[in-house]
Amino acid sequence: MIIDKGLIIKKEYLNKIFEEGKIWEIRASKTNIRGRIALIESGSGKIVGEAELFYCSEKPVPKEDKYKEFHKIENLELLDKWKYAWCLKNVRKYKNPVPYNHPQGAVIWVDLKKALKNEN
């Protein structure tokens, strides 16, 4: 695997990414990370796919129904905390998830150069 960073996402939202066309991962802060990233299912110890993170919104996402097709959030009140769109494209779900060593304290990103070092 050549991808250096893995983004931890709850299963509910990964399903929306893989099955419902969710292309905005909404987060509480901005990111400067761009390029291919691994998609990690929170709590599973597995990399379940990959995507290209190509843009992060500079301003908070407006709490308007017309953006639901991108972020798939029904309760728009969640956008009071989770404000910034991390935009994904070229999403691919793995047929066989890849195990990794989850580092203590990792809640958003995993450094896969270290986390995959001891995996066979």
Foldseek 3Di string as FASTA:
>chain_A
DPAFKEFEDAPVQVCCVVPVVAFWDFAQDWDPDFAKYFYHHPPPQWGFWIWTQHDKDPWFDDLDPVCCSHHVDPPSVVCVRRTMTRGTDPIDTDPDIDGWADDPPDDTMDRRVVGCPPPD
